[in-house]
C-alpha atoms as a PDB file:
ATOM      1  CA  MET A   1      95.255  16.340  76.943  1.00  0.00           C
ATOM      2  CA  ASP A   2      94.347  13.793  79.615  1.00  0.00           C
ATOM      3  CA  ALA A   3      96.737  12.788  82.388  1.00  0.00           C
ATOM      4  CA  PRO A   4      97.832   9.369  80.965  1.00  0.00           C
ATOM      5  CA  THR A   5      98.612  10.936  77.572  1.00  0.00           C
ATOM      6  CA  ALA A   6     100.547  13.749  79.255  1.00  0.00           C
ATOM      7  CA  LEU A   7     102.531  11.193  81.292  1.00  0.00           C
ATOM      8  CA  LEU A   8     103.322   9.087  78.224  1.00  0.00           C
ATOM      9  CA  SER A   9     104.368  12.260  76.386  1.00  0.00           C
ATOM     10  CA  LEU A  10     106.696  13.253  79.242  1.00  0.00           C
ATOM     11  CA  LEU A  11     108.239   9.786  79.374  1.00  0.00           C
ATOM     12  CA  ALA A  12     108.729   9.804  75.595  1.00  0.00           C
ATOM     13  CA  ALA A  13     110.422  13.212  75.795  1.00  0.00           C
ATOM     14  CA  ILE A  14     112.777  11.974  78.523  1.00  0.00           C
ATOM     15  CA  SER A  15     113.578   8.749  76.696  1.00  0.00           C
ATOM     16  CA  GLY A  16     114.091  10.569  73.396  1.00  0.00           C
ATOM     17  CA  SER A  17     116.424  13.083  75.036  1.00  0.00           C
ATOM     18  CA  LEU A  18     118.442  10.249  76.606  1.00  0.00           C
ATOM     19  CA  HIS A  19     118.686   8.597  73.204  1.00  0.00           C
ATOM     20  CA  ILE A  20     119.997  11.763  71.554  1.00  0.00           C
ATOM     21  CA  ARG A  21     122.539  12.192  74.362  1.00  0.00           C
ATOM     22  CA  ALA A  22     123.627   8.573  73.961  1.00  0.00           C
ATOM     23  CA  GLU A  23     124.142   9.065  70.222  1.00  0.00           C
ATOM     24  CA  LEU A  24     126.343  12.059  70.932  1.00  0.00           C
ATOM     25  CA  ARG A  25     128.245  10.910  74.015  1.00  0.00           C
ATOM     26  CA  GLY A  26     127.382   7.268  74.723  1.00  0.00           C
ATOM     27  CA  PRO A  27     127.048   4.795  76.239  1.00  0.00           C
ATOM     28  CA  ARG A  28     125.874   2.795  73.252  1.00  0.00           C
ATOM     29  CA  TRP A  29     123.656   0.458  75.292  1.00  0.00           C
ATOM     30  CA  ARG A  30     121.492   3.435  76.258  1.00  0.00           C
ATOM     31  CA  ALA A  31     120.753   4.118  72.582  1.00  0.00           C
ATOM     32  CA  TYR A  32     119.702   0.477  72.120  1.00  0.00           C
ATOM     33  CA  VAL A  33     117.265   0.845  75.016  1.00  0.00           C
ATOM     34  CA  CYS A  34     115.936   4.360  74.511  1.00  0.00           C
ATOM     35  CA  LYS A  35     115.406   4.352  70.742  1.00  0.00           C
ATOM     36  CA  PRO A  36     112.757   1.598  70.609  1.00  0.00           C
ATOM     37  CA  LEU A  37     111.397   2.632  74.020  1.00  0.00           C
ATOM     38  CA  THR A  38     110.647   6.159  72.811  1.00  0.00           C
ATOM     39  CA  THR A  39     108.747   4.948  69.762  1.00  0.00           C
ATOM     40  CA  LEU A  40     106.872   2.409  71.897  1.00  0.00           C
ATOM     41  CA  LEU A  41     105.768   5.169  74.265  1.00  0.00           C
ATOM     42  CA  ILE A  42     104.532   7.251  71.321  1.00  0.00           C
ATOM     43  CA  LEU A  43     102.747   4.199  69.922  1.00  0.00           C
ATOM     44  CA  ALA A  44     101.029   3.812  73.303  1.00  0.00           C
ATOM     45  CA  ILE A  45      99.770   7.397  73.006  1.00  0.00           C
ATOM     46  CA  ALA A  46      98.136   6.621  69.664  1.00  0.00           C
ATOM     47  CA  LEU A  47      96.719   3.365  71.003  1.00  0.00           C
ATOM     48  CA  PHE A  48      95.239   4.613  74.273  1.00  0.00           C
ATOM     49  CA  ALA A  49      94.673   8.376  73.947  1.00  0.00           C
ATOM     50  CA  PRO A  50      91.009   9.290  74.305  1.00  0.00           C
ATOM     51  CA  GLY A  51      89.171  10.817  71.400  1.00  0.00           C
ATOM     52  CA  PRO A  52      86.435  10.104  68.880  1.00  0.00           C
ATOM     53  CA  ALA A  53      88.833   9.303  66.025  1.00  0.00           C
ATOM     54  CA  PRO A  54      87.393   6.604  63.726  1.00  0.00           C
ATOM     55  CA  PRO A  55      88.764   3.150  64.636  1.00  0.00           C
ATOM     56  CA  LEU A  56      90.287   2.806  61.177  1.00  0.00           C
ATOM     57  CA  TYR A  57      92.252   6.058  61.558  1.00  0.00           C
ATOM     58  CA  ARG A  58      93.603   5.034  64.962  1.00  0.00           C
ATOM     59  CA  ALA A  59      94.483   1.554  63.688  1.00  0.00           C
ATOM     60  CA  LEU A  60      96.387   3.000  60.716  1.00  0.00           C
ATOM     61  CA  ILE A  61      98.350   5.418  62.893  1.00  0.00           C
ATOM     62  CA  VAL A  62      99.251   2.601  65.293  1.00  0.00           C
ATOM     63  CA  ALA A  63     100.296   0.382  62.367  1.00  0.00           C
ATOM     64  CA  GLY A  64     102.451   3.196  60.935  1.00  0.00           C
ATOM     65  CA  LEU A  65     104.171   3.588  64.285  1.00  0.00           C
ATOM     66  CA  ALA A  66     104.718  -0.173  64.500  1.00  0.00           C
ATOM     67  CA  PHE A  67     106.509  -0.210  61.131  1.00  0.00           C
ATOM     68  CA  SER A  68     108.461   2.858  62.230  1.00  0.00           C
ATOM     69  CA  LEU A  69     109.554   0.899  65.302  1.00  0.00           C
ATOM     70  CA  ALA A  70     110.818  -1.862  63.014  1.00  0.00           C
ATOM     71  CA  GLY A  71     112.705   0.763  61.012  1.00  0.00           C
ATOM     72  CA  ASP A  72     114.219   2.165  64.201  1.00  0.00           C
ATOM     73  CA  VAL A  73     115.521  -1.274  65.151  1.00  0.00           C
ATOM     74  CA  PHE A  74     117.008  -1.957  61.710  1.00  0.00           C
ATOM     75  CA  LEU A  75     118.793   1.398  61.615  1.00  0.00           C
ATOM     76  CA  MET A  76     120.314   1.062  65.087  1.00  0.00           C
ATOM     77  CA  LEU A  77     121.782  -2.431  64.581  1.00  0.00           C
ATOM     78  CA  PRO A  78     125.608  -2.579  64.396  1.00  0.00           C
ATOM     79  CA  ALA A  79     125.520  -4.140  60.905  1.00  0.00           C
ATOM     80  CA  ASP A  80     124.298  -1.946  58.067  1.00  0.00           C
ATOM     81  CA  ARG A  81     120.564  -2.583  57.722  1.00  0.00           C
ATOM     82  CA  PHE A  82     119.825   0.606  55.801  1.00  0.00           C
ATOM     83  CA  LEU A  83     117.666  -0.950  53.088  1.00  0.00           C
ATOM     84  CA  PRO A  84     115.421  -2.958  55.471  1.00  0.00           C
ATOM     85  CA  GLY A  85     115.101   0.189  57.580  1.00  0.00           C
ATOM     86  CA  LEU A  86     114.225   2.234  54.506  1.00  0.00           C
ATOM     87  CA  ALA A  87     111.626  -0.351  53.482  1.00  0.00           C
ATOM     88  CA  SER A  88     110.071  -0.365  56.962  1.00  0.00           C
ATOM     89  CA  PHE A  89     109.704   3.405  57.007  1.00  0.00           C
ATOM     90  CA  GLY A  90     108.434   3.349  53.432  1.00  0.00           C
ATOM     91  CA  VAL A  91     105.614   1.023  54.509  1.00  0.00           C
ATOM     92  CA  ALA A  92     104.943   3.298  57.495  1.00  0.00           C
ATOM     93  CA  HIS A  93     104.530   6.262  55.154  1.00  0.00           C
ATOM     94  CA  LEU A  94     102.193   4.299  52.882  1.00  0.00           C
ATOM     95  CA  ILE A  95     100.067   3.501  55.922  1.00  0.00           C
ATOM     96  CA  TYR A  96     100.098   7.163  56.969  1.00  0.00           C
ATOM     97  CA  ILE A  97      98.914   8.095  53.470  1.00  0.00           C
ATOM     98  CA  GLY A  98      95.964   5.800  54.035  1.00  0.00           C
ATOM     99  CA  ALA A  99      95.308   7.424  57.409  1.00  0.00           C
ATOM    100  CA  PHE A 100      95.521  10.956  56.034  1.00  0.00           C
ATOM    101  CA  SER A 101      93.093  10.016  53.268  1.00  0.00           C
ATOM    102  CA  GLU A 102      90.547   8.589  55.713  1.00  0.00           C
ATOM    103  CA  ALA A 103      88.683  11.798  56.563  1.00  0.00           C
ATOM    104  CA  ALA A 104      88.070  13.193  53.083  1.00  0.00           C
ATOM    105  CA  GLY A 105      89.399  10.573  50.673  1.00  0.00           C
ATOM    106  CA  PHE A 106      92.549  10.835  48.570  1.00  0.00           C
ATOM    107  CA  GLN A 107      92.831  14.492  47.517  1.00  0.00           C
ATOM    108  CA  PRO A 108      94.449  15.579  44.208  1.00  0.00           C
ATOM    109  CA  ALA A 109      94.861  19.093  45.707  1.00  0.00           C
ATOM    110  CA  PRO A 110      97.420  20.641  43.281  1.00  0.00           C
ATOM    111  CA  ILE A 111      97.885  23.550  45.682  1.00  0.00           C
ATOM    112  CA  ALA A 112      99.177  21.034  48.238  1.00  0.00           C
ATOM    113  CA  LEU A 113     101.187  18.999  45.751  1.00  0.00           C
ATOM    114  CA  LEU A 114     103.282  21.823  44.299  1.00  0.00           C
ATOM    115  CA  PRO A 115     105.274  22.875  47.406  1.00  0.00           C
ATOM    116  CA  VAL A 116     105.767  19.279  48.525  1.00  0.00           C
ATOM    117  CA  ALA A 117     106.987  18.204  45.080  1.00  0.00           C
ATOM    118  CA  ALA A 118     109.382  21.157  44.986  1.00  0.00           C
ATOM    119  CA  VAL A 119     110.944  20.152  48.301  1.00  0.00           C
ATOM    120  CA  ALA A 120     111.229  16.498  47.215  1.00  0.00           C
ATOM    121  CA  ALA A 121     112.839  17.478  43.896  1.00  0.00           C
ATOM    122  CA  ALA A 122     115.347  19.746  45.644  1.00  0.00           C
ATOM    123  CA  LEU A 123     116.304  16.974  48.071  1.00  0.00           C
ATOM    124  CA  LEU A 124     116.754  14.401  45.285  1.00  0.00           C
ATOM    125  CA  ARG A 125     118.828  16.827  43.249  1.00  0.00           C
ATOM    126  CA  SER A 126     121.113  17.384  46.221  1.00  0.00           C
ATOM    127  CA  LEU A 127     121.495  13.663  46.934  1.00  0.00           C
ATOM    128  CA  TRP A 128     121.615  12.272  43.389  1.00  0.00           C
ATOM    129  CA  PRO A 129     125.385  12.435  42.691  1.00  0.00           C
ATOM    130  CA  HIS A 130     126.091  10.692  46.008  1.00  0.00           C
ATOM    131  CA  LEU A 131     123.563   7.840  45.936  1.00  0.00           C
ATOM    132  CA  ALA A 132     125.500   5.358  43.778  1.00  0.00           C
ATOM    133  CA  GLY A 133     123.679   1.991  44.001  1.00  0.00           C
ATOM    134  CA  HIS A 134     120.940   3.403  46.237  1.00  0.00           C
ATOM    135  CA  ARG A 135     119.342   5.654  43.625  1.00  0.00           C
ATOM    136  CA  LEU A 136     116.273   3.504  42.988  1.00  0.00           C
ATOM    137  CA  PRO A 137     115.278   2.778  46.618  1.00  0.00           C
ATOM    138  CA  VAL A 138     116.010   6.319  47.789  1.00  0.00           C
ATOM    139  CA  THR A 139     114.041   7.830  44.900  1.00  0.00           C
ATOM    140  CA  ALA A 140     111.093   5.545  45.662  1.00  0.00           C
ATOM    141  CA  TYR A 141     111.286   6.516  49.327  1.00  0.00           C
ATOM    142  CA  VAL A 142     111.369  10.234  48.570  1.00  0.00           C
ATOM    143  CA  VAL A 143     108.293   9.840  46.339  1.00  0.00           C
ATOM    144  CA  VAL A 144     106.433   7.990  49.109  1.00  0.00           C
ATOM    145  CA  ILE A 145     107.266  10.473  51.860  1.00  0.00           C
ATOM    146  CA  ALA A 146     106.384  13.344  49.532  1.00  0.00           C
ATOM    147  CA  ALA A 147     102.999  11.713  48.895  1.00  0.00           C
ATOM    148  CA  MET A 148     102.542  11.401  52.660  1.00  0.00           C
ATOM    149  CA  GLY A 149     103.250  15.105  53.148  1.00  0.00           C
ATOM    150  CA  TRP A 150     101.006  15.958  50.204  1.00  0.00           C
ATOM    151  CA  GLN A 151      98.046  14.098  51.675  1.00  0.00           C
ATOM    152  CA  ALA A 152      98.661  15.494  55.168  1.00  0.00           C
ATOM    153  CA  LEU A 153      98.557  19.024  53.750  1.00  0.00           C
ATOM    154  CA  ALA A 154      95.522  18.211  51.560  1.00  0.00           C
ATOM    155  CA  GLN A 155      93.719  16.743  54.575  1.00  0.00           C
ATOM    156  CA  TRP A 156      94.315  19.876  56.639  1.00  0.00           C
ATOM    157  CA  ILE A 157      93.138  22.123  53.784  1.00  0.00           C
ATOM    158  CA  SER A 158      90.004  19.999  53.441  1.00  0.00           C
ATOM    159  CA  VAL A 159      89.194  19.460  57.124  1.00  0.00           C
ATOM    160  CA  GLY A 160      90.726  22.546  58.737  1.00  0.00           C
ATOM    161  CA  GLU A 161      90.730  21.110  62.268  1.00  0.00           C
ATOM    162  CA  GLY A 162      93.371  20.931  64.969  1.00  0.00           C
ATOM    163  CA  TRP A 163      93.961  17.202  64.724  1.00  0.00           C
ATOM    164  CA  ALA A 164      94.639  17.541  60.985  1.00  0.00           C
ATOM    165  CA  LEU A 165      97.131  20.319  61.744  1.00  0.00           C
ATOM    166  CA  CYS A 166      98.905  17.970  64.193  1.00  0.00           C
ATOM    167  CA  ALA A 167      99.176  15.372  61.433  1.00  0.00           C
ATOM    168  CA  LEU A 168     100.468  17.982  58.978  1.00  0.00           C
ATOM    169  CA  MET A 169     103.114  19.294  61.374  1.00  0.00           C
ATOM    170  CA  GLY A 170     104.142  15.712  62.093  1.00  0.00           C
ATOM    171  CA  ALA A 171     104.477  14.961  58.382  1.00  0.00           C
ATOM    172  CA  ALA A 172     106.567  18.113  57.861  1.00  0.00           C
ATOM    173  CA  LEU A 173     108.916  17.258  60.735  1.00  0.00           C
ATOM    174  CA  PHE A 174     109.186  13.663  59.511  1.00  0.00           C
ATOM    175  CA  THR A 175     110.275  14.966  56.103  1.00  0.00           C
ATOM    176  CA  ALA A 176     112.858  17.233  57.759  1.00  0.00           C
ATOM    177  CA  SER A 177     114.182  14.311  59.811  1.00  0.00           C
ATOM    178  CA  ASP A 178     114.527  12.031  56.795  1.00  0.00           C
ATOM    179  CA  ALA A 179     116.202  14.796  54.797  1.00  0.00           C
ATOM    180  CA  ALA A 180     118.744  15.330  57.581  1.00  0.00           C
ATOM    181  CA  LEU A 181     119.382  11.570  57.806  1.00  0.00           C
ATOM    182  CA  ALA A 182     119.877  11.265  54.047  1.00  0.00           C
ATOM    183  CA  LEU A 183     122.202  14.259  53.851  1.00  0.00           C
ATOM    184  CA  ASP A 184     124.241  12.938  56.772  1.00  0.00           C
ATOM    185  CA  ARG A 185     124.523   9.448  55.271  1.00  0.00           C
ATOM    186  CA  PHE A 186     125.110  10.254  51.609  1.00  0.00           C
ATOM    187  CA  ARG A 187     126.706  13.700  51.555  1.00  0.00           C
ATOM    188  CA  GLY A 188     128.931  13.247  54.565  1.00  0.00           C
ATOM    189  CA  ALA A 189     128.442  13.351  58.315  1.00  0.00           C
ATOM    190  CA  PHE A 190     127.801  16.747  59.828  1.00  0.00           C
ATOM    191  CA  ALA A 191     128.251  17.915  63.402  1.00  0.00           C
ATOM    192  CA  ASN A 192     125.490  17.010  65.839  1.00  0.00           C
ATOM    193  CA  ALA A 193     123.527  15.114  63.196  1.00  0.00           C
ATOM    194  CA  PRO A 194     121.561  13.145  65.851  1.00  0.00           C
ATOM    195  CA  ILE A 195     120.072  16.407  67.102  1.00  0.00           C
ATOM    196  CA  ALA A 196     118.831  17.291  63.612  1.00  0.00           C
ATOM    197  CA  VAL A 197     117.603  13.782  62.805  1.00  0.00           C
ATOM    198  CA  LEU A 198     116.100  12.682  66.125  1.00  0.00           C
ATOM    199  CA  GLY A 199     115.131  16.133  67.354  1.00  0.00           C
ATOM    200  CA  THR A 200     112.639  16.283  64.476  1.00  0.00           C
ATOM    201  CA  TYR A 201     111.792  12.562  64.252  1.00  0.00           C
ATOM    202  CA  TYR A 202     110.392  12.084  67.741  1.00  0.00           C
ATOM    203  CA  PRO A 203     108.235  15.253  67.712  1.00  0.00           C
ATOM    204  CA  ALA A 204     106.992  14.186  64.254  1.00  0.00           C
ATOM    205  CA  GLN A 205     105.798  10.825  65.474  1.00  0.00           C
ATOM    206  CA  TRP A 206     104.365  12.366  68.650  1.00  0.00           C
ATOM    207  CA  LEU A 207     102.294  14.877  66.674  1.00  0.00           C
ATOM    208  CA  ILE A 208     101.034  12.181  64.329  1.00  0.00           C
ATOM    209  CA  ALA A 209     100.067  10.064  67.338  1.00  0.00           C
ATOM    210  CA  LEU A 210      98.241  13.016  68.914  1.00  0.00           C
ATOM    211  CA  SER A 211      96.137  13.407  65.773  1.00  0.00           C
ATOM    212  CA  VAL A 212      93.932  10.554  67.045  1.00  0.00           C
ATOM    213  CA  MET A 213      92.614  12.997  69.700  1.00  0.00           C
ATOM    214  CA  ARG A 214      89.962  14.684  67.591  1.00  0.00           C
END
Protein backbone atom coordinates (compact mmCIF):
# COMPACT_ATOMS: atom_id res chain seq x y z
CA MET A 1 0.00 0.00 0.00
CA ASP A 2 1.43 3.38 -0.99
CA ALA A 3 1.65 6.30 1.43
CA PRO A 4 -1.35 8.34 0.12
CA THR A 5 -3.61 5.27 0.26
CA ALA A 6 -2.39 4.48 3.78
CA LEU A 7 -3.08 8.08 4.86
CA LEU A 8 -6.57 8.06 3.34
CA SER A 9 -7.23 4.72 5.05
CA LEU A 10 -6.11 6.12 8.42
CA LEU A 11 -8.28 9.21 8.01
CA ALA A 12 -11.26 7.05 7.03
CA ALA A 13 -10.74 4.87 10.11
CA ILE A 14 -10.62 7.93 12.37
CA SER A 15 -13.66 9.52 10.77
CA GLY A 16 -15.61 6.25 10.86
CA SER A 17 -14.76 5.75 14.54
CA LEU A 18 -15.92 9.30 15.33
CA HIS A 19 -19.15 8.62 13.48
CA ILE A 20 -19.83 5.44 15.47
CA ARG A 21 -19.10 7.30 18.72
CA ALA A 22 -21.44 10.10 17.67
CA GLU A 23 -24.23 7.61 16.96
CA LEU A 24 -23.79 6.15 20.43
CA ARG A 25 -23.12 9.26 22.50
CA GLY A 26 -23.56 12.34 20.30
CA PRO A 27 -23.26 15.10 19.38
CA ARG A 28 -25.53 14.64 16.39
CA TRP A 29 -23.72 17.21 14.23
CA ARG A 30 -20.61 15.02 14.31
CA ALA A 31 -22.56 12.16 12.72
CA TYR A 32 -23.73 14.50 9.95
CA VAL A 33 -20.12 15.43 9.24
CA CYS A 34 -18.32 12.13 9.71
CA LYS A 35 -20.73 9.79 7.92
CA PRO A 36 -20.40 11.31 4.42
CA LEU A 37 -16.77 12.25 5.09
CA THR A 38 -15.81 8.63 5.77
CA THR A 39 -17.39 7.37 2.56
CA LEU A 40 -15.79 10.23 0.61
CA LEU A 41 -12.37 9.26 1.94
CA ILE A 42 -12.95 5.64 0.90
CA LEU A 43 -14.14 6.82 -2.51
CA ALA A 44 -10.89 8.78 -2.83
CA ILE A 45 -8.96 5.55 -2.20
CA ALA A 46 -10.73 3.84 -5.09
CA LEU A 47 -10.25 6.87 -7.31
CA PHE A 48 -6.56 7.54 -6.69
CA ALA A 49 -4.98 4.30 -5.43
CA PRO A 50 -2.26 3.05 -7.76
CA GLY A 51 -2.69 -0.24 -9.54
CA PRO A 52 -3.22 -1.74 -12.97
CA ALA A 53 -6.96 -2.32 -12.50
CA PRO A 54 -8.86 -1.88 -15.79
CA PRO A 55 -10.36 1.63 -16.05
CA LEU A 56 -13.85 0.16 -16.26
CA TYR A 57 -13.41 -1.74 -12.98
CA ARG A 58 -12.14 1.35 -11.17
CA ALA A 59 -14.94 3.48 -12.63
CA LEU A 60 -17.59 0.98 -11.49
CA ILE A 61 -16.19 0.80 -7.96
CA VAL A 62 -16.10 4.60 -7.75
CA ALA A 63 -19.68 4.80 -9.06
CA GLY A 64 -20.82 2.21 -6.50
CA LEU A 65 -19.25 4.24 -3.73
CA ALA A 66 -20.90 7.41 -5.04
CA PHE A 67 -24.36 5.81 -4.86
CA SER A 68 -23.47 4.47 -1.42
CA LEU A 69 -22.66 8.04 -0.39
CA ALA A 70 -26.12 9.10 -1.56
CA GLY A 71 -27.60 6.25 0.49
CA ASP A 72 -25.62 7.36 3.53
CA VAL A 73 -27.04 10.87 3.24
CA PHE A 74 -30.64 9.67 2.84
CA LEU A 75 -30.39 7.37 5.85
CA MET A 76 -28.90 10.00 8.16
CA LEU A 77 -31.49 12.72 7.44
CA PRO A 78 -33.87 13.51 10.34
CA ALA A 79 -36.95 12.64 8.24
CA ASP A 80 -37.42 8.99 7.31
CA ARG A 81 -35.78 8.52 3.91
CA PHE A 82 -35.47 4.74 4.17
CA LEU A 83 -36.80 3.90 0.72
CA PRO A 84 -34.61 6.42 -1.18
CA GLY A 85 -31.66 5.15 0.86
CA LEU A 86 -32.55 1.56 0.05
CA ALA A 87 -32.83 2.43 -3.65
CA SER A 88 -29.45 4.19 -3.63
CA PHE A 89 -27.71 1.20 -2.06
CA GLY A 90 -29.57 -1.14 -4.40
CA VAL A 91 -28.11 0.73 -7.38
CA ALA A 92 -24.68 0.60 -5.72
CA HIS A 93 -24.95 -3.18 -5.46
CA LEU A 94 -26.02 -3.48 -9.10
CA ILE A 95 -22.94 -1.49 -10.07
CA TYR A 96 -20.75 -3.72 -7.88
CA ILE A 97 -22.22 -6.76 -9.64
CA GLY A 98 -21.04 -5.25 -12.89
CA ALA A 99 -17.59 -4.64 -11.40
CA PHE A 100 -17.30 -8.16 -10.01
CA SER A 101 -18.27 -9.57 -13.40
CA GLU A 102 -15.63 -7.53 -15.23
CA ALA A 103 -12.68 -9.91 -14.84
CA ALA A 104 -14.27 -13.19 -15.91
CA GLY A 105 -17.80 -12.30 -17.01
CA PHE A 106 -21.01 -13.11 -15.14
CA GLN A 107 -20.48 -16.52 -13.52
CA PRO A 108 -23.35 -19.00 -12.91
CA ALA A 109 -21.11 -20.76 -10.33
CA PRO A 110 -23.71 -22.88 -8.42
CA ILE A 111 -21.09 -23.62 -5.77
CA ALA A 112 -20.99 -19.88 -5.03
CA LEU A 113 -24.74 -19.36 -5.33
CA LEU A 114 -25.86 -21.99 -2.82
CA PRO A 115 -24.35 -20.56 0.40
CA VAL A 116 -25.25 -16.99 -0.55
CA ALA A 117 -28.85 -17.95 -1.36
CA ALA A 118 -29.12 -19.81 1.95
CA VAL A 119 -28.03 -16.74 3.91
CA ALA A 120 -30.42 -14.48 1.96
CA ALA A 121 -33.33 -16.89 2.51
CA ALA A 122 -32.61 -17.10 6.24
CA LEU A 123 -32.52 -13.30 6.53
CA LEU A 124 -35.80 -12.86 4.63
CA ARG A 125 -37.48 -15.53 6.71
CA SER A 126 -36.43 -13.73 9.88
CA LEU A 127 -37.61 -10.34 8.63
CA TRP A 128 -40.78 -11.33 6.76
CA PRO A 129 -43.37 -11.10 9.58
CA HIS A 130 -42.09 -7.63 10.50
CA LEU A 131 -41.82 -5.97 7.08
CA ALA A 132 -45.47 -4.92 6.62
CA GLY A 133 -45.60 -2.55 3.62
CA HIS A 134 -41.87 -2.88 2.94
CA ARG A 135 -41.94 -6.51 1.82
CA LEU A 136 -41.49 -5.84 -1.89
CA PRO A 137 -38.61 -3.33 -1.72
CA VAL A 138 -36.78 -5.24 1.01
CA THR A 139 -37.13 -8.54 -0.87
CA ALA A 140 -35.80 -6.91 -4.04
CA TYR A 141 -32.89 -5.45 -2.09
CA VAL A 142 -32.01 -8.78 -0.49
CA VAL A 143 -32.01 -10.43 -3.93
CA VAL A 144 -29.69 -7.72 -5.30
CA ILE A 145 -27.21 -7.85 -2.43
CA ALA A 146 -27.24 -11.65 -2.58
CA ALA A 147 -26.41 -11.45 -6.30
CA MET A 148 -23.56 -9.07 -5.44
CA GLY A 149 -22.15 -11.52 -2.90
CA TRP A 150 -22.64 -14.39 -5.34
CA GLN A 151 -20.63 -12.68 -8.06
CA ALA A 152 -17.92 -11.56 -5.62
CA LEU A 153 -17.48 -15.17 -4.50
CA ALA A 154 -17.64 -16.46 -8.10
CA GLN A 155 -15.02 -13.90 -9.15
CA TRP A 156 -12.64 -14.99 -6.41
CA ILE A 157 -13.13 -18.68 -7.28
CA SER A 158 -12.42 -17.87 -10.93
CA VAL A 159 -9.53 -15.43 -10.50
CA GLY A 160 -8.02 -16.56 -7.19
CA GLU A 161 -6.06 -13.35 -6.61
CA GLY A 162 -5.70 -11.07 -3.61
CA TRP A 163 -7.69 -8.19 -5.05
CA ALA A 164 -10.63 -10.53 -5.70
CA LEU A 165 -10.41 -11.73 -2.10
CA CYS A 166 -10.60 -8.08 -0.94
CA ALA A 167 -13.76 -7.65 -2.99
CA LEU A 168 -15.23 -10.87 -1.59
CA MET A 169 -14.50 -9.92 2.02
CA GLY A 170 -15.99 -6.50 1.36
CA ALA A 171 -19.15 -8.05 -0.09
CA ALA A 172 -19.47 -10.38 2.91
CA LEU A 173 -19.09 -7.53 5.41
CA PHE A 174 -21.54 -5.40 3.43
CA THR A 175 -24.10 -8.21 3.69
CA ALA A 176 -23.49 -8.47 7.44
CA SER A 177 -23.93 -4.70 7.82
CA ASP A 178 -27.20 -4.64 5.89
CA ALA A 179 -28.49 -7.64 7.84
CA ALA A 180 -27.74 -5.88 11.13
CA LEU A 181 -29.43 -2.69 9.89
CA ALA A 182 -32.53 -4.58 8.77
CA LEU A 183 -32.82 -6.55 12.00
CA ASP A 184 -32.41 -3.37 14.04
CA ARG A 185 -35.03 -1.49 12.02
CA PHE A 186 -37.68 -4.17 11.54
CA ARG A 187 -37.26 -6.55 14.47
CA GLY A 188 -36.55 -3.96 17.11
CA ALA A 189 -33.54 -1.91 18.14
CA PHE A 190 -30.74 -3.79 19.83
CA ALA A 191 -27.96 -2.49 22.05
CA ASN A 192 -24.99 -0.90 20.31
CA ALA A 193 -26.52 -1.40 16.86
CA PRO A 194 -24.27 1.31 15.31
CA ILE A 195 -21.23 -0.80 16.17
CA ALA A 196 -22.67 -3.81 14.34
CA VAL A 197 -23.95 -1.81 11.37
CA LEU A 198 -21.14 0.71 10.85
CA GLY A 199 -18.33 -1.45 12.20
CA THR A 200 -18.92 -3.78 9.25
CA TYR A 201 -20.07 -1.20 6.68
CA TYR A 202 -16.95 0.96 6.61
CA PRO A 203 -14.48 -1.97 6.43
CA ALA A 204 -16.68 -3.44 3.66
CA GLN A 205 -16.45 -0.35 1.52
CA TRP A 206 -12.74 0.04 2.29
CA LEU A 207 -11.98 -3.51 1.15
CA ILE A 208 -14.01 -3.06 -2.02
CA ALA A 209 -12.14 0.17 -2.72
CA LEU A 210 -8.79 -1.56 -2.16
CA SER A 211 -9.69 -4.16 -4.79
CA VAL A 212 -8.65 -1.64 -7.46
CA MET A 213 -5.02 -2.24 -6.36
CA ARG A 214 -4.35 -5.35 -8.41
